[in-house]
PDB file of N, CA and C in Angstrom:
ATOM      1  N   UNK A   1       0.848  -1.193   0.000  1.00  0.00           N
ATOM      2  CA  UNK A   1       0.000   0.000   0.000  1.00  0.00           C
ATOM      3  C   UNK A   1       0.879   1.236   0.000  1.00  0.00           C
ATOM      4  N   UNK A   2       0.547   2.169  -0.870  1.00  0.00           N
ATOM      5  CA  UNK A   2       1.255   3.457  -0.900  1.00  0.00           C
ATOM      6  C   UNK A   2       0.296   4.540  -0.422  1.00  0.00           C
ATOM      7  N   UNK A   3       0.817   5.438   0.387  1.00  0.00           N
ATOM      8  CA  UNK A   3       0.021   6.530   0.945  1.00  0.00           C
ATOM      9  C   UNK A   3       0.656   7.850   0.555  1.00  0.00           C
ATOM     10  N   UNK A   4      -0.155   8.762   0.054  1.00  0.00           N
ATOM     11  CA  UNK A   4       0.342  10.078  -0.353  1.00  0.00           C
ATOM     12  C   UNK A   4      -0.505  11.150   0.325  1.00  0.00           C
ATOM     13  N   UNK A   5       0.155  11.935   1.166  1.00  0.00           N
ATOM     14  CA  UNK A   5      -0.531  13.007   1.887  1.00  0.00           C
ATOM     15  C   UNK A   5      -0.455  14.315   1.107  1.00  0.00           C
ATOM     16  N   UNK A   6      -1.390  15.194   1.401  1.00  0.00           N
ATOM     17  CA  UNK A   6      -1.364  16.553   0.865  1.00  0.00           C
ATOM     18  C   UNK A   6      -2.172  17.446   1.790  1.00  0.00           C
ATOM     19  N   UNK A   7      -2.006  18.756   1.608  1.00  0.00           N
ATOM     20  CA  UNK A   7      -2.821  19.700   2.353  1.00  0.00           C
ATOM     21  C   UNK A   7      -2.118  20.461   3.448  1.00  0.00           C
ATOM     22  N   UNK A   8      -0.877  20.114   3.724  1.00  0.00           N
ATOM     23  CA  UNK A   8      -0.153  20.840   4.756  1.00  0.00           C
ATOM     24  C   UNK A   8       0.202  22.244   4.296  1.00  0.00           C
ATOM     25  N   UNK A   9       0.694  23.061   5.233  1.00  0.00           N
ATOM     26  CA  UNK A   9       1.083  24.412   4.877  1.00  0.00           C
ATOM     27  C   UNK A   9       1.176  25.304   6.090  1.00  0.00           C
ATOM     28  N   UNK A  10       1.257  26.601   5.817  1.00  0.00           N
ATOM     29  CA  UNK A  10       1.328  27.611   6.864  1.00  0.00           C
ATOM     30  C   UNK A  10      -0.082  28.021   7.265  1.00  0.00           C
ATOM     31  N   UNK A  11      -0.301  28.172   8.535  1.00  0.00           N
ATOM     32  CA  UNK A  11      -1.615  28.596   9.000  1.00  0.00           C
ATOM     33  C   UNK A  11      -1.451  29.363  10.305  1.00  0.00           C
ATOM     34  N   UNK A  12      -2.244  30.404  10.469  1.00  0.00           N
ATOM     35  CA  UNK A  12      -2.199  31.177  11.705  1.00  0.00           C
ATOM     36  C   UNK A  12      -2.967  30.459  12.802  1.00  0.00           C
ATOM     37  N   UNK A  13      -2.613  30.738  14.013  1.00  0.00           N
ATOM     38  CA  UNK A  13      -3.345  30.184  15.150  1.00  0.00           C
ATOM     39  C   UNK A  13      -4.822  30.550  15.024  1.00  0.00           C
ATOM     40  N   UNK A  14      -5.662  29.558  15.243  1.00  0.00           N
ATOM     41  CA  UNK A  14      -7.090  29.751  15.090  1.00  0.00           C
ATOM     42  C   UNK A  14      -7.619  29.403  13.713  1.00  0.00           C
ATOM     43  N   UNK A  15      -6.706  29.179  12.789  1.00  0.00           N
ATOM     44  CA  UNK A  15      -7.094  28.858  11.420  1.00  0.00           C
ATOM     45  C   UNK A  15      -7.407  27.394  11.232  1.00  0.00           C
ATOM     46  N   UNK A  16      -7.660  27.033   9.966  1.00  0.00           N
ATOM     47  CA  UNK A  16      -8.052  25.666   9.623  1.00  0.00           C
ATOM     48  C   UNK A  16      -7.248  25.156   8.442  1.00  0.00           C
ATOM     49  N   UNK A  17      -7.068  23.860   8.414  1.00  0.00           N
ATOM     50  CA  UNK A  17      -6.473  23.163   7.284  1.00  0.00           C
ATOM     51  C   UNK A  17      -7.153  21.814   7.152  1.00  0.00           C
ATOM     52  N   UNK A  18      -7.164  21.295   5.923  1.00  0.00           N
ATOM     53  CA  UNK A  18      -7.633  19.931   5.728  1.00  0.00           C
ATOM     54  C   UNK A  18      -6.541  19.124   5.050  1.00  0.00           C
ATOM     55  N   UNK A  19      -6.136  18.054   5.708  1.00  0.00           N
ATOM     56  CA  UNK A  19      -5.166  17.129   5.144  1.00  0.00           C
ATOM     57  C   UNK A  19      -5.897  15.995   4.434  1.00  0.00           C
ATOM     58  N   UNK A  20      -5.276  15.509   3.373  1.00  0.00           N
ATOM     59  CA  UNK A  20      -5.813  14.366   2.632  1.00  0.00           C
ATOM     60  C   UNK A  20      -4.739  13.309   2.490  1.00  0.00           C
ATOM     61  N   UNK A  21      -5.168  12.071   2.406  1.00  0.00           N
ATOM     62  CA  UNK A  21      -4.245  10.964   2.206  1.00  0.00           C
ATOM     63  C   UNK A  21      -4.916   9.954   1.294  1.00  0.00           C
ATOM     64  N   UNK A  22      -4.286   9.697   0.163  1.00  0.00           N
ATOM     65  CA  UNK A  22      -4.825   8.744  -0.809  1.00  0.00           C
ATOM     66  C   UNK A  22      -4.026   7.454  -0.744  1.00  0.00           C
ATOM     67  N   UNK A  23      -4.737   6.360  -0.632  1.00  0.00           N
ATOM     68  CA  UNK A  23      -4.106   5.042  -0.596  1.00  0.00           C
ATOM     69  C   UNK A  23      -4.226   4.375  -1.961  1.00  0.00           C
ATOM     70  N   UNK A  24      -3.174   3.662  -2.343  1.00  0.00           N
ATOM     71  CA  UNK A  24      -3.190   2.924  -3.602  1.00  0.00           C
ATOM     72  C   UNK A  24      -2.340   1.676  -3.453  1.00  0.00           C
ATOM     73  N   UNK A  25      -2.464   0.797  -4.421  1.00  0.00           N
ATOM     74  CA  UNK A  25      -1.654  -0.409  -4.392  1.00  0.00           C
ATOM     75  C   UNK A  25      -2.483  -1.676  -4.322  1.00  0.00           C
ATOM     76  N   UNK A  26      -1.809  -2.786  -4.431  1.00  0.00           N
ATOM     77  CA  UNK A  26      -2.459  -4.086  -4.534  1.00  0.00           C
ATOM     78  C   UNK A  26      -3.301  -4.419  -3.304  1.00  0.00           C
ATOM     79  N   UNK A  27      -2.847  -4.043  -2.135  1.00  0.00           N
ATOM     80  CA  UNK A  27      -3.518  -4.436  -0.895  1.00  0.00           C
ATOM     81  C   UNK A  27      -4.450  -3.363  -0.341  1.00  0.00           C
ATOM     82  N   UNK A  28      -4.821  -2.407  -1.167  1.00  0.00           N
ATOM     83  CA  UNK A  28      -5.633  -1.304  -0.644  1.00  0.00           C
ATOM     84  C   UNK A  28      -6.964  -1.809  -0.087  1.00  0.00           C
ATOM     85  N   UNK A  29      -7.478  -2.908  -0.634  1.00  0.00           N
ATOM     86  CA  UNK A  29      -8.769  -3.408  -0.153  1.00  0.00           C
ATOM     87  C   UNK A  29      -8.626  -4.206   1.137  1.00  0.00           C
ATOM     88  N   UNK A  30      -7.391  -4.378   1.604  1.00  0.00           N
ATOM     89  CA  UNK A  30      -7.147  -5.035   2.882  1.00  0.00           C
ATOM     90  C   UNK A  30      -6.888  -4.037   4.005  1.00  0.00           C
ATOM     91  N   UNK A  31      -7.083  -2.761   3.721  1.00  0.00           N
ATOM     92  CA  UNK A  31      -6.894  -1.749   4.762  1.00  0.00           C
ATOM     93  C   UNK A  31      -8.050  -1.835   5.751  1.00  0.00           C
ATOM     94  N   UNK A  32      -7.732  -1.994   7.019  1.00  0.00           N
ATOM     95  CA  UNK A  32      -8.740  -2.105   8.064  1.00  0.00           C
ATOM     96  C   UNK A  32      -9.041  -0.767   8.730  1.00  0.00           C
ATOM     97  N   UNK A  33      -8.032   0.052   8.833  1.00  0.00           N
ATOM     98  CA  UNK A  33      -8.205   1.351   9.483  1.00  0.00           C
ATOM     99  C   UNK A  33      -7.159   2.307   8.917  1.00  0.00           C
ATOM    100  N   UNK A  34      -7.476   3.584   8.962  1.00  0.00           N
ATOM    101  CA  UNK A  34      -6.526   4.610   8.547  1.00  0.00           C
ATOM    102  C   UNK A  34      -6.479   5.685   9.617  1.00  0.00           C
ATOM    103  N   UNK A  35      -5.362   6.351   9.680  1.00  0.00           N
ATOM    104  CA  UNK A  35      -5.239   7.348  10.721  1.00  0.00           C
ATOM    105  C   UNK A  35      -4.153   8.359  10.434  1.00  0.00           C
ATOM    106  N   UNK A  36      -3.999   9.257  11.392  1.00  0.00           N
ATOM    107  CA  UNK A  36      -2.995  10.305  11.304  1.00  0.00           C
ATOM    108  C   UNK A  36      -2.168  10.328  12.579  1.00  0.00           C
ATOM    109  N   UNK A  37      -0.881  10.527  12.391  1.00  0.00           N
ATOM    110  CA  UNK A  37       0.066  10.724  13.480  1.00  0.00           C
ATOM    111  C   UNK A  37       0.833  12.000  13.165  1.00  0.00           C
ATOM    112  N   UNK A  38       1.532  12.511  14.175  1.00  0.00           N
ATOM    113  CA  UNK A  38       2.350  13.696  13.931  1.00  0.00           C
ATOM    114  C   UNK A  38       3.637  13.608  14.738  1.00  0.00           C
ATOM    115  N   UNK A  39       4.626  14.350  14.258  1.00  0.00           N
ATOM    116  CA  UNK A  39       5.942  14.314  14.904  1.00  0.00           C
ATOM    117  C   UNK A  39       6.612  15.658  14.793  1.00  0.00           C
ATOM    118  N   UNK A  40       7.224  16.083  15.891  1.00  0.00           N
ATOM    119  CA  UNK A  40       8.046  17.283  15.916  1.00  0.00           C
ATOM    120  C   UNK A  40       9.481  16.872  16.191  1.00  0.00           C
ATOM    121  N   UNK A  41      10.445  17.726  15.828  1.00  0.00           N
ATOM    122  CA  UNK A  41      11.857  17.369  16.014  1.00  0.00           C
ATOM    123  C   UNK A  41      12.172  17.004  17.459  1.00  0.00           C
ATOM    124  N   UNK A  42      12.855  15.905  17.628  1.00  0.00           N
ATOM    125  CA  UNK A  42      13.271  15.482  18.945  1.00  0.00           C
ATOM    126  C   UNK A  42      12.227  14.744  19.746  1.00  0.00           C
ATOM    127  N   UNK A  43      11.051  14.570  19.175  1.00  0.00           N
ATOM    128  CA  UNK A  43       9.982  13.874  19.889  1.00  0.00           C
ATOM    129  C   UNK A  43       9.536  12.643  19.113  1.00  0.00           C
ATOM    130  N   UNK A  44       8.899  11.734  19.842  1.00  0.00           N
ATOM    131  CA  UNK A  44       8.378  10.540  19.186  1.00  0.00           C
ATOM    132  C   UNK A  44       7.106  10.881  18.399  1.00  0.00           C
ATOM    133  N   UNK A  45       6.859  10.073  17.401  1.00  0.00           N
ATOM    134  CA  UNK A  45       5.633  10.230  16.639  1.00  0.00           C
ATOM    135  C   UNK A  45       4.445   9.927  17.541  1.00  0.00           C
ATOM    136  N   UNK A  46       3.435  10.794  17.496  1.00  0.00           N
ATOM    137  CA  UNK A  46       2.293  10.614  18.378  1.00  0.00           C
ATOM    138  C   UNK A  46       1.004  10.452  17.588  1.00  0.00           C
ATOM    139  N   UNK A  47       0.101   9.712  18.182  1.00  0.00           N
ATOM    140  CA  UNK A  47      -1.197   9.444  17.592  1.00  0.00           C
ATOM    141  C   UNK A  47      -2.047  10.709  17.583  1.00  0.00           C
ATOM    142  N   UNK A  48      -2.789  10.911  16.491  1.00  0.00           N
ATOM    143  CA  UNK A  48      -3.696  12.052  16.392  1.00  0.00           C
ATOM    144  C   UNK A  48      -5.142  11.571  16.271  1.00  0.00           C
ATOM    145  N   UNK A  49      -5.419  10.750  15.270  1.00  0.00           N
ATOM    146  CA  UNK A  49      -6.800  10.310  15.036  1.00  0.00           C
ATOM    147  C   UNK A  49      -6.782   9.050  14.186  1.00  0.00           C
ATOM    148  N   UNK A  50      -7.899   8.292  14.263  1.00  0.00           N
ATOM    149  CA  UNK A  50      -7.993   7.026  13.550  1.00  0.00           C
ATOM    150  C   UNK A  50      -9.444   6.773  13.179  1.00  0.00           C
ATOM    151  N   UNK A  51      -9.652   6.111  12.059  1.00  0.00           N
ATOM    152  CA  UNK A  51     -10.998   5.745  11.645  1.00  0.00           C
ATOM    153  C   UNK A  51     -10.965   4.351  11.058  1.00  0.00           C
ATOM    154  N   UNK A  52     -11.917   3.513  11.465  1.00  0.00           N
ATOM    155  CA  UNK A  52     -11.969   2.143  10.963  1.00  0.00           C
ATOM    156  C   UNK A  52     -12.825   2.082   9.701  1.00  0.00           C
ATOM    157  N   UNK A  53     -12.850   0.889   9.110  1.00  0.00           N
ATOM    158  CA  UNK A  53     -13.688   0.689   7.925  1.00  0.00           C
ATOM    159  C   UNK A  53     -15.161   0.934   8.223  1.00  0.00           C
ATOM    160  N   UNK A  54     -15.546   0.709   9.467  1.00  0.00           N
ATOM    161  CA  UNK A  54     -16.935   0.891   9.863  1.00  0.00           C
ATOM    162  C   UNK A  54     -17.240   2.313  10.302  1.00  0.00           C
ATOM    163  N   UNK A  55     -16.241   3.184  10.205  1.00  0.00           N
ATOM    164  CA  UNK A  55     -16.477   4.578  10.555  1.00  0.00           C
ATOM    165  C   UNK A  55     -16.292   4.917  12.017  1.00  0.00           C
ATOM    166  N   UNK A  56     -15.775   3.971  12.795  1.00  0.00           N
ATOM    167  CA  UNK A  56     -15.522   4.258  14.210  1.00  0.00           C
ATOM    168  C   UNK A  56     -14.266   5.100  14.316  1.00  0.00           C
ATOM    169  N   UNK A  57     -14.380   6.186  15.063  1.00  0.00           N
ATOM    170  CA  UNK A  57     -13.259   7.121  15.169  1.00  0.00           C
ATOM    171  C   UNK A  57     -12.760   7.217  16.600  1.00  0.00           C
ATOM    172  N   UNK A  58     -11.506   7.549  16.746  1.00  0.00           N
ATOM    173  CA  UNK A  58     -10.992   7.946  18.042  1.00  0.00           C
ATOM    174  C   UNK A  58      -9.890   8.981  17.844  1.00  0.00           C
ATOM    175  N   UNK A  59      -9.717   9.801  18.874  1.00  0.00           N
ATOM    176  CA  UNK A  59      -8.856  10.970  18.790  1.00  0.00           C
ATOM    177  C   UNK A  59      -7.949  11.070  20.006  1.00  0.00           C
ATOM    178  N   UNK A  60      -6.818  11.704  19.796  1.00  0.00           N
ATOM    179  CA  UNK A  60      -5.988  12.087  20.930  1.00  0.00           C
ATOM    180  C   UNK A  60      -6.729  13.178  21.703  1.00  0.00           C
ATOM    181  N   UNK A  61      -6.536  13.192  23.006  1.00  0.00           N
ATOM    182  CA  UNK A  61      -7.220  14.188  23.840  1.00  0.00           C
ATOM    183  C   UNK A  61      -6.884  15.613  23.389  1.00  0.00           C
ATOM    184  N   UNK A  62      -5.667  15.798  22.917  1.00  0.00           N
ATOM    185  CA  UNK A  62      -5.208  17.141  22.576  1.00  0.00           C
ATOM    186  C   UNK A  62      -5.920  17.737  21.364  1.00  0.00           C
ATOM    187  N   UNK A  63      -6.598  16.894  20.574  1.00  0.00           N
ATOM    188  CA  UNK A  63      -7.255  17.397  19.362  1.00  0.00           C
ATOM    189  C   UNK A  63      -8.765  17.217  19.391  1.00  0.00           C
ATOM    190  N   UNK A  64      -9.281  16.558  20.403  1.00  0.00           N
ATOM    191  CA  UNK A  64     -10.730  16.333  20.476  1.00  0.00           C
ATOM    192  C   UNK A  64     -11.482  17.658  20.437  1.00  0.00           C
ATOM    193  N   UNK A  65     -12.524  17.697  19.621  1.00  0.00           N
ATOM    194  CA  UNK A  65     -13.325  18.902  19.494  1.00  0.00           C
ATOM    195  C   UNK A  65     -12.790  19.887  18.482  1.00  0.00           C
ATOM    196  N   UNK A  66     -11.567  19.670  18.016  1.00  0.00           N
ATOM    197  CA  UNK A  66     -10.973  20.572  17.025  1.00  0.00           C
ATOM    198  C   UNK A  66     -10.698  19.877  15.691  1.00  0.00           C
ATOM    199  N   UNK A  67     -10.315  18.624  15.751  1.00  0.00           N
ATOM    200  CA  UNK A  67      -9.981  17.868  14.546  1.00  0.00           C
ATOM    201  C   UNK A  67     -11.081  16.849  14.267  1.00  0.00           C
ATOM    202  N   UNK A  68     -11.312  16.602  12.984  1.00  0.00           N
ATOM    203  CA  UNK A  68     -12.277  15.595  12.572  1.00  0.00           C
ATOM    204  C   UNK A  68     -11.671  14.727  11.482  1.00  0.00           C
ATOM    205  N   UNK A  69     -11.690  13.419  11.704  1.00  0.00           N
ATOM    206  CA  UNK A  69     -11.200  12.493  10.694  1.00  0.00           C
ATOM    207  C   UNK A  69     -12.391  11.906   9.956  1.00  0.00           C
ATOM    208  N   UNK A  70     -12.234  11.755   8.663  1.00  0.00           N
ATOM    209  CA  UNK A  70     -13.288  11.156   7.847  1.00  0.00           C
ATOM    210  C   UNK A  70     -12.644  10.330   6.741  1.00  0.00           C
ATOM    211  N   UNK A  71     -13.479   9.524   6.089  1.00  0.00           N
ATOM    212  CA  UNK A  71     -12.921   8.581   5.131  1.00  0.00           C
ATOM    213  C   UNK A  71     -13.890   8.402   3.969  1.00  0.00           C
ATOM    214  N   UNK A  72     -13.338   8.368   2.774  1.00  0.00           N
ATOM    215  CA  UNK A  72     -14.109   8.058   1.565  1.00  0.00           C
ATOM    216  C   UNK A  72     -13.594   6.719   1.056  1.00  0.00           C
ATOM    217  N   UNK A  73     -14.324   5.664   1.345  1.00  0.00           N
ATOM    218  CA  UNK A  73     -13.861   4.328   0.985  1.00  0.00           C
ATOM    219  C   UNK A  73     -13.841   4.105  -0.527  1.00  0.00           C
ATOM    220  N   UNK A  74     -14.668   4.831  -1.266  1.00  0.00           N
ATOM    221  CA  UNK A  74     -14.678   4.692  -2.725  1.00  0.00           C
ATOM    222  C   UNK A  74     -13.388   5.263  -3.305  1.00  0.00           C
ATOM    223  N   UNK A  75     -12.955   6.386  -2.735  1.00  0.00           N
ATOM    224  CA  UNK A  75     -11.750   7.047  -3.225  1.00  0.00           C
ATOM    225  C   UNK A  75     -10.492   6.587  -2.487  1.00  0.00           C
ATOM    226  N   UNK A  76     -10.660   5.683  -1.521  1.00  0.00           N
ATOM    227  CA  UNK A  76      -9.521   5.217  -0.716  1.00  0.00           C
ATOM    228  C   UNK A  76      -8.755   6.394  -0.129  1.00  0.00           C
ATOM    229  N   UNK A  77      -9.498   7.344   0.398  1.00  0.00           N
ATOM    230  CA  UNK A  77      -8.919   8.576   0.909  1.00  0.00           C
ATOM    231  C   UNK A  77      -9.387   8.835   2.331  1.00  0.00           C
ATOM    232  N   UNK A  78      -8.486   9.293   3.153  1.00  0.00           N
ATOM    233  CA  UNK A  78      -8.821   9.715   4.503  1.00  0.00           C
ATOM    234  C   UNK A  78      -8.469  11.192   4.633  1.00  0.00           C
ATOM    235  N   UNK A  79      -9.301  11.903   5.381  1.00  0.00           N
ATOM    236  CA  UNK A  79      -9.130  13.340   5.560  1.00  0.00           C
ATOM    237  C   UNK A  79      -8.954  13.658   7.039  1.00  0.00           C
ATOM    238  N   UNK A  80      -8.275  14.750   7.296  1.00  0.00           N
ATOM    239  CA  UNK A  80      -8.195  15.270   8.652  1.00  0.00           C
ATOM    240  C   UNK A  80      -8.505  16.765   8.578  1.00  0.00           C
ATOM    241  N   UNK A  81      -9.703  17.118   9.026  1.00  0.00           N
ATOM    242  CA  UNK A  81     -10.082  18.525   9.099  1.00  0.00           C
ATOM    243  C   UNK A  81      -9.594  19.077  10.437  1.00  0.00           C
ATOM    244  N   UNK A  82      -8.744  20.078  10.355  1.00  0.00           N
ATOM    245  CA  UNK A  82      -8.147  20.647  11.561  1.00  0.00           C
ATOM    246  C   UNK A  82      -8.649  22.082  11.719  1.00  0.00           C
ATOM    247  N   UNK A  83      -9.374  22.330  12.771  1.00  0.00           N
ATOM    248  CA  UNK A  83      -9.908  23.663  13.060  1.00  0.00           C
ATOM    249  C   UNK A  83      -9.296  24.214  14.337  1.00  0.00           C
ATOM    250  N   UNK A  84      -9.375  25.513  14.480  1.00  0.00           N
ATOM    251  CA  UNK A  84      -8.854  26.176  15.681  1.00  0.00           C
ATOM    252  C   UNK A  84      -7.430  25.706  15.980  1.00  0.00           C
ATOM    253  N   UNK A  85      -6.595  25.780  14.977  1.00  0.00           N
ATOM    254  CA  UNK A  85      -5.222  25.282  15.130  1.00  0.00           C
ATOM    255  C   UNK A  85      -4.467  26.093  16.164  1.00  0.00           C
ATOM    256  N   UNK A  86      -3.606  25.413  16.882  1.00  0.00           N
ATOM    257  CA  UNK A  86      -2.783  26.020  17.905  1.00  0.00           C
ATOM    258  C   UNK A  86      -1.315  25.887  17.523  1.00  0.00           C
ATOM    259  N   UNK A  87      -0.461  26.742  18.063  1.00  0.00           N
ATOM    260  CA  UNK A  87       0.973  26.624  17.751  1.00  0.00           C
ATOM    261  C   UNK A  87       1.522  25.227  18.024  1.00  0.00           C
ATOM    262  N   UNK A  88       1.009  24.581  19.054  1.00  0.00           N
ATOM    263  CA  UNK A  88       1.512  23.241  19.398  1.00  0.00           C
ATOM    264  C   UNK A  88       1.062  22.168  18.415  1.00  0.00           C
ATOM    265  N   UNK A  89       0.214  22.523  17.464  1.00  0.00           N
ATOM    266  CA  UNK A  89      -0.162  21.574  16.415  1.00  0.00           C
ATOM    267  C   UNK A  89       0.871  21.530  15.296  1.00  0.00           C
ATOM    268  N   UNK A  90       1.829  22.449  15.322  1.00  0.00           N
ATOM    269  CA  UNK A  90       2.892  22.447  14.322  1.00  0.00           C
ATOM    270  C   UNK A  90       3.650  21.127  14.376  1.00  0.00           C
ATOM    271  N   UNK A  91       3.716  20.446  13.234  1.00  0.00           N
ATOM    272  CA  UNK A  91       4.360  19.135  13.179  1.00  0.00           C
ATOM    273  C   UNK A  91       4.333  18.631  11.748  1.00  0.00           C
ATOM    274  N   UNK A  92       5.069  17.566  11.521  1.00  0.00           N
ATOM    275  CA  UNK A  92       4.899  16.790  10.294  1.00  0.00           C
ATOM    276  C   UNK A  92       3.805  15.762  10.560  1.00  0.00           C
ATOM    277  N   UNK A  93       2.801  15.751   9.734  1.00  0.00           N
ATOM    278  CA  UNK A  93       1.668  14.840   9.895  1.00  0.00           C
ATOM    279  C   UNK A  93       1.826  13.676   8.927  1.00  0.00           C
ATOM    280  N   UNK A  94       1.711  12.481   9.482  1.00  0.00           N
ATOM    281  CA  UNK A  94       1.885  11.261   8.705  1.00  0.00           C
ATOM    282  C   UNK A  94       0.576  10.485   8.634  1.00  0.00           C
ATOM    283  N   UNK A  95       0.257  10.018   7.451  1.00  0.00           N
ATOM    284  CA  UNK A  95      -0.888   9.147   7.252  1.00  0.00           C
ATOM    285  C   UNK A  95      -0.464   7.701   7.528  1.00  0.00           C
ATOM    286  N   UNK A  96      -1.360   6.952   8.136  1.00  0.00           N
ATOM    287  CA  UNK A  96      -1.097   5.555   8.471  1.00  0.00           C
ATOM    288  C   UNK A  96      -2.249   4.682   8.003  1.00  0.00           C
ATOM    289  N   UNK A  97      -1.907   3.479   7.533  1.00  0.00           N
ATOM    290  CA  UNK A  97      -2.928   2.500   7.191  1.00  0.00           C
ATOM    291  C   UNK A  97      -2.565   1.172   7.834  1.00  0.00           C
ATOM    292  N   UNK A  98      -3.544   0.561   8.476  1.00  0.00           N
ATOM    293  CA  UNK A  98      -3.369  -0.777   9.041  1.00  0.00           C
ATOM    294  C   UNK A  98      -3.871  -1.772   8.003  1.00  0.00           C
ATOM    295  N   UNK A  99      -2.950  -2.564   7.482  1.00  0.00           N
ATOM    296  CA  UNK A  99      -3.263  -3.439   6.355  1.00  0.00           C
ATOM    297  C   UNK A  99      -3.248  -4.891   6.822  1.00  0.00           C
ATOM    298  N   UNK A 100      -4.349  -5.594   6.621  1.00  0.00           N
ATOM    299  CA  UNK A 100      -4.424  -7.000   7.006  1.00  0.00           C
ATOM    300  C   UNK A 100      -3.850  -7.880   5.917  1.00  0.00           C
ATOM    301  N   UNK A 101      -2.759  -8.576   6.238  1.00  0.00           N
ATOM    302  CA  UNK A 101      -2.116  -9.500   5.299  1.00  0.00           C
ATOM    303  C   UNK A 101      -2.097 -10.869   5.977  1.00  0.00           C
ATOM    304  N   UNK A 102      -2.972 -11.754   5.519  1.00  0.00           N
ATOM    305  CA  UNK A 102      -3.075 -13.047   6.175  1.00  0.00           C
ATOM    306  C   UNK A 102      -3.534 -12.867   7.609  1.00  0.00           C
ATOM    307  N   UNK A 103      -2.752 -13.372   8.544  1.00  0.00           N
ATOM    308  CA  UNK A 103      -3.085 -13.236   9.968  1.00  0.00           C
ATOM    309  C   UNK A 103      -2.378 -12.055  10.616  1.00  0.00           C
ATOM    310  N   UNK A 104      -1.651 -11.309   9.834  1.00  0.00           N
ATOM    311  CA  UNK A 104      -0.901 -10.185  10.390  1.00  0.00           C
ATOM    312  C   UNK A 104      -1.522  -8.854   9.978  1.00  0.00           C
ATOM    313  N   UNK A 105      -1.225  -7.850  10.770  1.00  0.00           N
ATOM    314  CA  UNK A 105      -1.587  -6.482  10.418  1.00  0.00           C
ATOM    315  C   UNK A 105      -0.307  -5.688  10.277  1.00  0.00           C
ATOM    316  N   UNK A 106      -0.108  -5.119   9.118  1.00  0.00           N
ATOM    317  CA  UNK A 106       1.099  -4.344   8.847  1.00  0.00           C
ATOM    318  C   UNK A 106       0.757  -2.870   8.729  1.00  0.00           C
ATOM    319  N   UNK A 107       1.708  -2.048   9.114  1.00  0.00           N
ATOM    320  CA  UNK A 107       1.519  -0.604   9.039  1.00  0.00           C
ATOM    321  C   UNK A 107       2.164  -0.053   7.773  1.00  0.00           C
ATOM    322  N   UNK A 108       1.410   0.787   7.067  1.00  0.00           N
ATOM    323  CA  UNK A 108       1.953   1.540   5.953  1.00  0.00           C
ATOM    324  C   UNK A 108       1.947   3.013   6.333  1.00  0.00           C
ATOM    325  N   UNK A 109       2.958   3.748   5.872  1.00  0.00           N
ATOM    326  CA  UNK A 109       3.105   5.156   6.232  1.00  0.00           C
ATOM    327  C   UNK A 109       3.301   6.002   4.980  1.00  0.00           C
ATOM    328  N   UNK A 110       2.769   7.213   5.028  1.00  0.00           N
ATOM    329  CA  UNK A 110       3.045   8.184   3.997  1.00  0.00           C
ATOM    330  C   UNK A 110       4.351   8.902   4.286  1.00  0.00           C
ATOM    331  N   UNK A 111       4.687   9.837   3.402  1.00  0.00           N
ATOM    332  CA  UNK A 111       5.958  10.543   3.523  1.00  0.00           C
ATOM    333  C   UNK A 111       5.866  11.729   4.460  1.00  0.00           C
ATOM    334  N   UNK A 112       4.662  12.123   4.814  1.00  0.00           N
ATOM    335  CA  UNK A 112       4.465  13.236   5.741  1.00  0.00           C
ATOM    336  C   UNK A 112       4.173  14.545   5.039  1.00  0.00           C
ATOM    337  N   UNK A 113       3.410  15.373   5.704  1.00  0.00           N
ATOM    338  CA  UNK A 113       3.117  16.719   5.205  1.00  0.00           C
ATOM    339  C   UNK A 113       3.237  17.683   6.378  1.00  0.00           C
ATOM    340  N   UNK A 114       3.890  18.817   6.153  1.00  0.00           N
ATOM    341  CA  UNK A 114       4.236  19.728   7.232  1.00  0.00           C
ATOM    342  C   UNK A 114       3.127  20.754   7.464  1.00  0.00           C
ATOM    343  N   UNK A 115       2.749  20.884   8.710  1.00  0.00           N
ATOM    344  CA  UNK A 115       1.802  21.921   9.149  1.00  0.00           C
ATOM    345  C   UNK A 115       2.561  22.851  10.075  1.00  0.00           C
ATOM    346  N   UNK A 116       2.567  24.132   9.740  1.00  0.00           N
ATOM    347  CA  UNK A 116       3.378  25.100  10.477  1.00  0.00           C
ATOM    348  C   UNK A 116       2.537  26.298  10.892  1.00  0.00           C
ATOM    349  N   UNK A 117       2.698  26.679  12.151  1.00  0.00           N
ATOM    350  CA  UNK A 117       2.042  27.888  12.652  1.00  0.00           C
ATOM    351  C   UNK A 117       2.786  29.109  12.120  1.00  0.00           C
ATOM    352  N   UNK A 118       2.089  30.001  11.502  1.00  0.00           N
ATOM    353  CA  UNK A 118       2.718  31.183  10.910  1.00  0.00           C
ATOM    354  C   UNK A 118       2.554  32.428  11.772  1.00  0.00           C
ATOM    355  N   UNK A 119       2.048  32.246  12.984  1.00  0.00           N
ATOM    356  CA  UNK A 119       1.817  33.411  13.856  1.00  0.00           C
ATOM    357  C   UNK A 119       3.115  34.074  14.247  1.00  0.00           C
TER     358      UNK A 119
END
């Protein structure tokens, strides 16, 4: 599975951005869940949001009420609508897909898209 993110950029505090991630490849129909993680220099990659094939979502506490994850299964695309952005949301955002291969679940990652506070 290949994942390609887009939508990052400069945004002022309080602003909004929408990230997109398109999945492709032979095993795209074996994707069980998709999600977003983020990472800043010197820190570990942290969970942001996740959505299953059935539409069940969960969020990190730090983004609840501000970020919304959604998924278009026809387009094999997951979105992250980010509202009321804060300086601490500045990070590289990575798309993730949990891919079921036989009895295993493997993680696929995108290359990342940078979200930067311009305040």
